[in-house]
Protein backbone atom coordinates (compact mmCIF):
# COMPACT_ATOMS: atom_id res chain seq x y z
CA GLY A 1 0.00 0.00 0.00
CA GLY A 2 0.93 3.66 0.19
CA GLY A 3 3.24 5.20 2.77
CA SER A 4 6.78 4.43 3.70
CA TYR A 5 8.72 2.04 5.92
CA GLY A 6 12.13 2.45 7.53
CA SER A 7 14.33 2.17 10.62
CA LEU A 8 14.18 -1.61 10.95
CA SER A 9 15.48 -3.79 13.77
CA VAL A 10 14.97 -7.54 14.25
CA SER A 11 15.57 -9.66 17.34
CA GLY A 12 18.30 -12.29 17.29
CA ASP A 13 15.89 -15.19 16.77
CA GLY A 14 13.85 -13.34 14.16
CA ARG A 15 10.66 -13.31 16.22
CA TYR A 16 10.35 -9.56 16.78
CA LEU A 17 10.58 -6.82 14.15
CA ALA A 18 10.59 -3.14 15.10
CA PHE A 19 9.97 -0.65 12.31
CA ARG A 20 8.78 2.86 11.54
CA THR A 21 5.98 3.48 9.08
CA SER A 22 3.64 6.21 7.87
CA THR A 23 1.02 3.71 6.68
CA ASP A 24 -1.03 3.80 9.93
CA PRO A 25 -1.63 0.01 9.92
CA LEU A 26 -3.81 0.06 13.06
CA GLY A 27 -5.77 3.21 12.25
CA THR A 28 -4.50 5.02 15.35
CA SER A 29 -1.53 7.08 14.08
CA VAL A 30 -1.20 10.58 12.65
CA ALA A 31 2.58 10.48 12.17
CA ASN A 32 5.52 8.21 11.34
CA ASP A 33 5.28 5.95 14.38
CA LEU A 34 7.23 2.96 15.65
CA TYR A 35 5.64 -0.51 15.70
CA LEU A 36 6.60 -3.95 16.97
CA TYR A 37 5.55 -7.07 15.08
CA ASP A 38 5.57 -10.46 16.83
CA ARG A 39 5.97 -13.12 14.14
CA VAL A 40 5.02 -16.02 16.43
CA ALA A 41 1.82 -14.40 17.73
CA ASP A 42 1.19 -12.67 14.38
CA SER A 43 0.43 -9.47 16.31
CA LEU A 44 1.26 -5.82 15.72
CA GLN A 45 1.67 -3.25 18.49
CA GLN A 46 2.07 0.51 18.14
CA ILE A 47 4.96 1.72 20.32
CA THR A 48 4.95 5.51 19.84
CA GLN A 49 2.12 8.00 19.49
CA LEU A 50 3.78 11.02 17.90
CA ALA A 51 1.96 14.26 17.21
CA ALA A 52 1.52 15.46 13.65
CA ASN A 53 2.34 19.07 14.54
CA PRO A 54 4.99 19.89 15.44
CA PRO A 55 6.39 16.83 13.66
CA SER A 56 8.82 14.53 15.45
CA THR A 57 11.10 11.86 14.02
CA VAL A 58 11.53 8.37 15.44
CA SER A 59 14.58 6.43 14.26
CA ALA A 60 17.28 3.87 15.01
CA PRO A 61 15.28 1.25 16.94
CA VAL A 62 17.15 -1.63 18.55
CA VAL A 63 14.98 -4.46 19.90
CA SER A 64 16.25 -6.88 22.53
CA ASP A 65 16.40 -10.58 21.68
CA ASP A 66 13.49 -11.39 23.98
CA GLY A 67 11.35 -8.54 22.62
CA SER A 68 10.94 -7.04 26.07
CA THR A 69 12.72 -3.79 25.35
CA ILE A 70 13.15 -1.39 22.45
CA TYR A 71 15.61 1.49 22.44
CA PHE A 72 15.02 4.21 19.87
CA THR A 73 15.58 7.89 19.13
CA ILE A 74 12.90 10.57 19.03
CA ASP A 75 14.38 13.69 17.50
CA ASP A 76 17.69 14.02 19.40
CA THR A 77 16.85 12.08 22.58
CA GLU A 78 17.09 8.36 23.31
CA HIS A 79 13.94 6.59 24.49
CA LEU A 80 13.02 3.21 25.93
CA TRP A 81 9.90 1.06 25.67
CA ARG A 82 9.37 -1.84 28.07
CA ARG A 83 6.83 -4.55 27.41
CA SER A 84 6.19 -4.91 31.15
CA SER A 85 4.82 -1.37 31.42
CA GLY A 86 3.92 -0.52 27.83
CA VAL A 87 5.22 2.98 28.49
CA VAL A 88 7.71 5.02 26.45
CA GLU A 89 10.36 6.63 28.67
CA SER A 90 12.88 9.34 27.82
CA LEU A 91 16.44 8.50 28.88
CA GLY A 92 17.50 12.14 28.76
CA PHE A 93 20.59 11.71 26.60
CA SER A 94 21.35 11.43 22.91
CA VAL A 95 22.98 8.73 20.82
CA SER A 96 25.17 10.68 18.45
CA GLU A 97 25.20 10.32 14.71
CA PRO A 98 24.70 12.89 11.94
CA HIS A 99 21.56 10.83 11.26
CA PRO A 100 20.87 8.52 14.26
CA ALA A 101 21.76 5.00 13.28
CA ALA A 102 21.26 1.68 15.01
CA ALA A 103 24.95 0.98 14.37
CA SER A 104 25.70 3.54 17.10
CA LYS A 105 24.15 1.39 19.82
CA ALA A 106 23.81 -2.21 20.92
CA VAL A 107 21.61 -3.87 23.52
CA SER A 108 22.02 -6.98 25.64
CA ALA A 109 19.70 -9.92 25.01
CA GLY A 110 17.33 -9.11 27.87
CA GLY A 111 17.40 -5.36 27.22
CA ARG A 112 19.04 -4.39 30.50
CA PHE A 113 22.24 -2.89 29.08
CA LEU A 114 22.47 -0.30 26.30
CA THR A 115 25.91 0.47 24.83
CA PHE A 116 26.09 3.61 22.73
CA LEU A 117 28.12 6.51 21.35
CA THR A 118 27.35 10.07 22.44
CA ASP A 119 28.77 13.58 22.19
CA GLU A 120 27.39 14.41 25.63
CA SER A 121 29.46 14.32 28.80
CA LEU A 122 27.40 12.00 30.98
CA VAL A 123 29.94 11.51 33.79
CA VAL A 124 32.02 14.10 35.62
CA ASP A 125 35.38 12.81 34.37
CA ASP A 126 34.39 13.04 30.70
CA THR A 127 36.24 16.24 29.84
CA ASN A 128 37.78 15.31 26.49
CA GLY A 129 35.17 17.20 24.47
CA VAL A 130 34.71 14.40 21.91
CA ARG A 131 32.35 11.50 21.28
CA ASP A 132 32.65 8.61 23.75
CA LEU A 133 31.43 5.05 24.19
CA TYR A 134 29.11 4.55 27.16
CA THR A 135 26.98 1.79 28.65
CA TRP A 136 23.70 2.35 30.49
CA ASP A 137 22.18 -0.02 33.05
CA ARG A 138 18.39 -0.02 32.85
CA ASN A 139 17.98 -1.57 36.31
CA THR A 140 20.12 0.96 38.16
CA ASP A 141 19.72 3.95 35.78
CA THR A 142 23.48 4.50 35.74
CA VAL A 143 25.88 5.28 32.90
CA THR A 144 29.54 4.24 32.66
CA ARG A 145 32.07 5.58 30.18
CA ILE A 146 33.93 2.82 28.33
CA SER A 147 36.27 4.78 26.06
CA GLY A 148 39.45 6.35 27.38
CA ASP A 149 40.42 10.01 27.29
CA GLY A 150 40.87 9.81 23.53
CA GLY A 151 37.13 9.24 23.10
CA LEU A 152 35.87 8.56 19.59
CA ALA A 153 39.11 9.95 18.20
CA PHE A 154 40.60 6.66 19.35
CA ILE A 155 37.61 4.31 19.24
CA PHE A 156 36.01 2.82 16.19
CA ARG A 157 32.82 1.06 15.22
CA PRO A 158 31.62 -1.54 15.13
CA PHE A 159 31.48 -2.54 18.77
CA ALA A 160 29.82 -5.67 20.11
CA VAL A 161 28.12 -6.69 23.35
CA THR A 162 27.67 -10.16 24.82
CA ALA A 163 24.15 -11.48 25.39
CA ASP A 164 24.39 -10.85 29.14
CA GLY A 165 25.89 -7.39 28.62
CA GLN A 166 28.89 -8.16 30.81
CA THR A 167 31.56 -7.79 28.12
CA ILE A 168 31.93 -5.15 25.40
CA ALA A 169 34.36 -5.55 22.49
CA PHE A 170 35.68 -2.56 20.55
CA VAL A 171 38.64 -1.30 18.54
CA SER A 172 40.73 1.60 19.83
CA ARG A 173 44.03 3.43 19.36
CA ASP A 174 43.94 4.61 22.96
CA ALA A 175 46.33 3.30 25.63
CA LEU A 176 43.82 1.48 27.81
CA THR A 177 46.06 -1.17 29.37
CA SER A 178 49.54 -1.26 30.82
CA GLY A 179 52.47 -2.94 29.12
CA PRO A 180 54.13 -2.37 25.75
CA ASP A 181 52.05 -1.66 22.66
CA PHE A 182 53.82 -3.10 19.64
CA ASN A 183 51.47 -1.34 17.22
CA GLY A 184 53.19 1.98 17.85
CA THR A 185 51.73 5.16 19.30
CA ARG A 186 48.07 5.53 20.07
CA ASN A 187 47.76 7.78 17.03
CA THR A 188 48.66 4.99 14.60
CA GLY A 189 48.18 1.53 16.15
CA HIS A 190 44.79 -0.15 16.42
CA ASP A 191 44.00 -2.86 18.93
CA LEU A 192 40.97 -4.93 19.84
CA PHE A 193 39.89 -4.57 23.46
CA LEU A 194 37.39 -6.19 25.78
CA TRP A 195 35.82 -4.26 28.66
CA HIS A 196 34.54 -6.38 31.55
CA ARG A 197 31.62 -4.92 33.49
CA GLU A 198 32.15 -6.87 36.72
CA THR A 199 35.68 -5.54 37.23
CA ALA A 200 35.45 -2.38 35.07
CA THR A 201 38.77 -3.39 33.49
CA TYR A 202 40.13 -3.63 29.95
CA GLU A 203 41.69 -6.63 28.28
CA ARG A 204 43.79 -6.08 25.16
CA VAL A 205 43.17 -8.93 22.73
CA THR A 206 45.52 -7.88 19.92
CA ASN A 207 48.99 -6.38 20.19
CA GLY A 208 50.44 -6.40 16.74
CA THR A 209 50.24 -10.20 16.63
CA PHE A 210 47.21 -10.68 14.32
């Protein structure tokens, strides 16, 4: 039919599909709203209820593997929808991209942990003035900065998160661990790192060896 579709995200097992559309499939929307389709139940649920004027833009949805949680952007602010409450909540910070993209964030399987890039300084020791990698804990409503003082200048996408959200993998030029770095200075050498949530420590996986 008429209208447009965009901003797609599918759960790991393919059961849940989040998408934006202007087609008003349920007859309850006046804008480009976000929907969640459950393939097993063959059911469609409207997630957002945006106003037509002034217009808002919903984009970059990321749905958790269990379908319990969707993270998405409305205009410049990150939002969260939980199946348990059916309520859309503003997280109060932005996920930074020239055009918000799902590649700038990742979510753990149960939806508890959101890992994302942002230009905002969300902790007091973030004074580098550049984009950084953060993780947010839905249960405790706390944010933790993952990237070092080099920020995005020394961190590169893609990044990956384990299903339980306890380990985050990313590539960086920053000096995040002690010991010699055989790739050269942090301005030229790239390494693969793991960040472990339980200990808040980094593990360097590569060191000029592969």
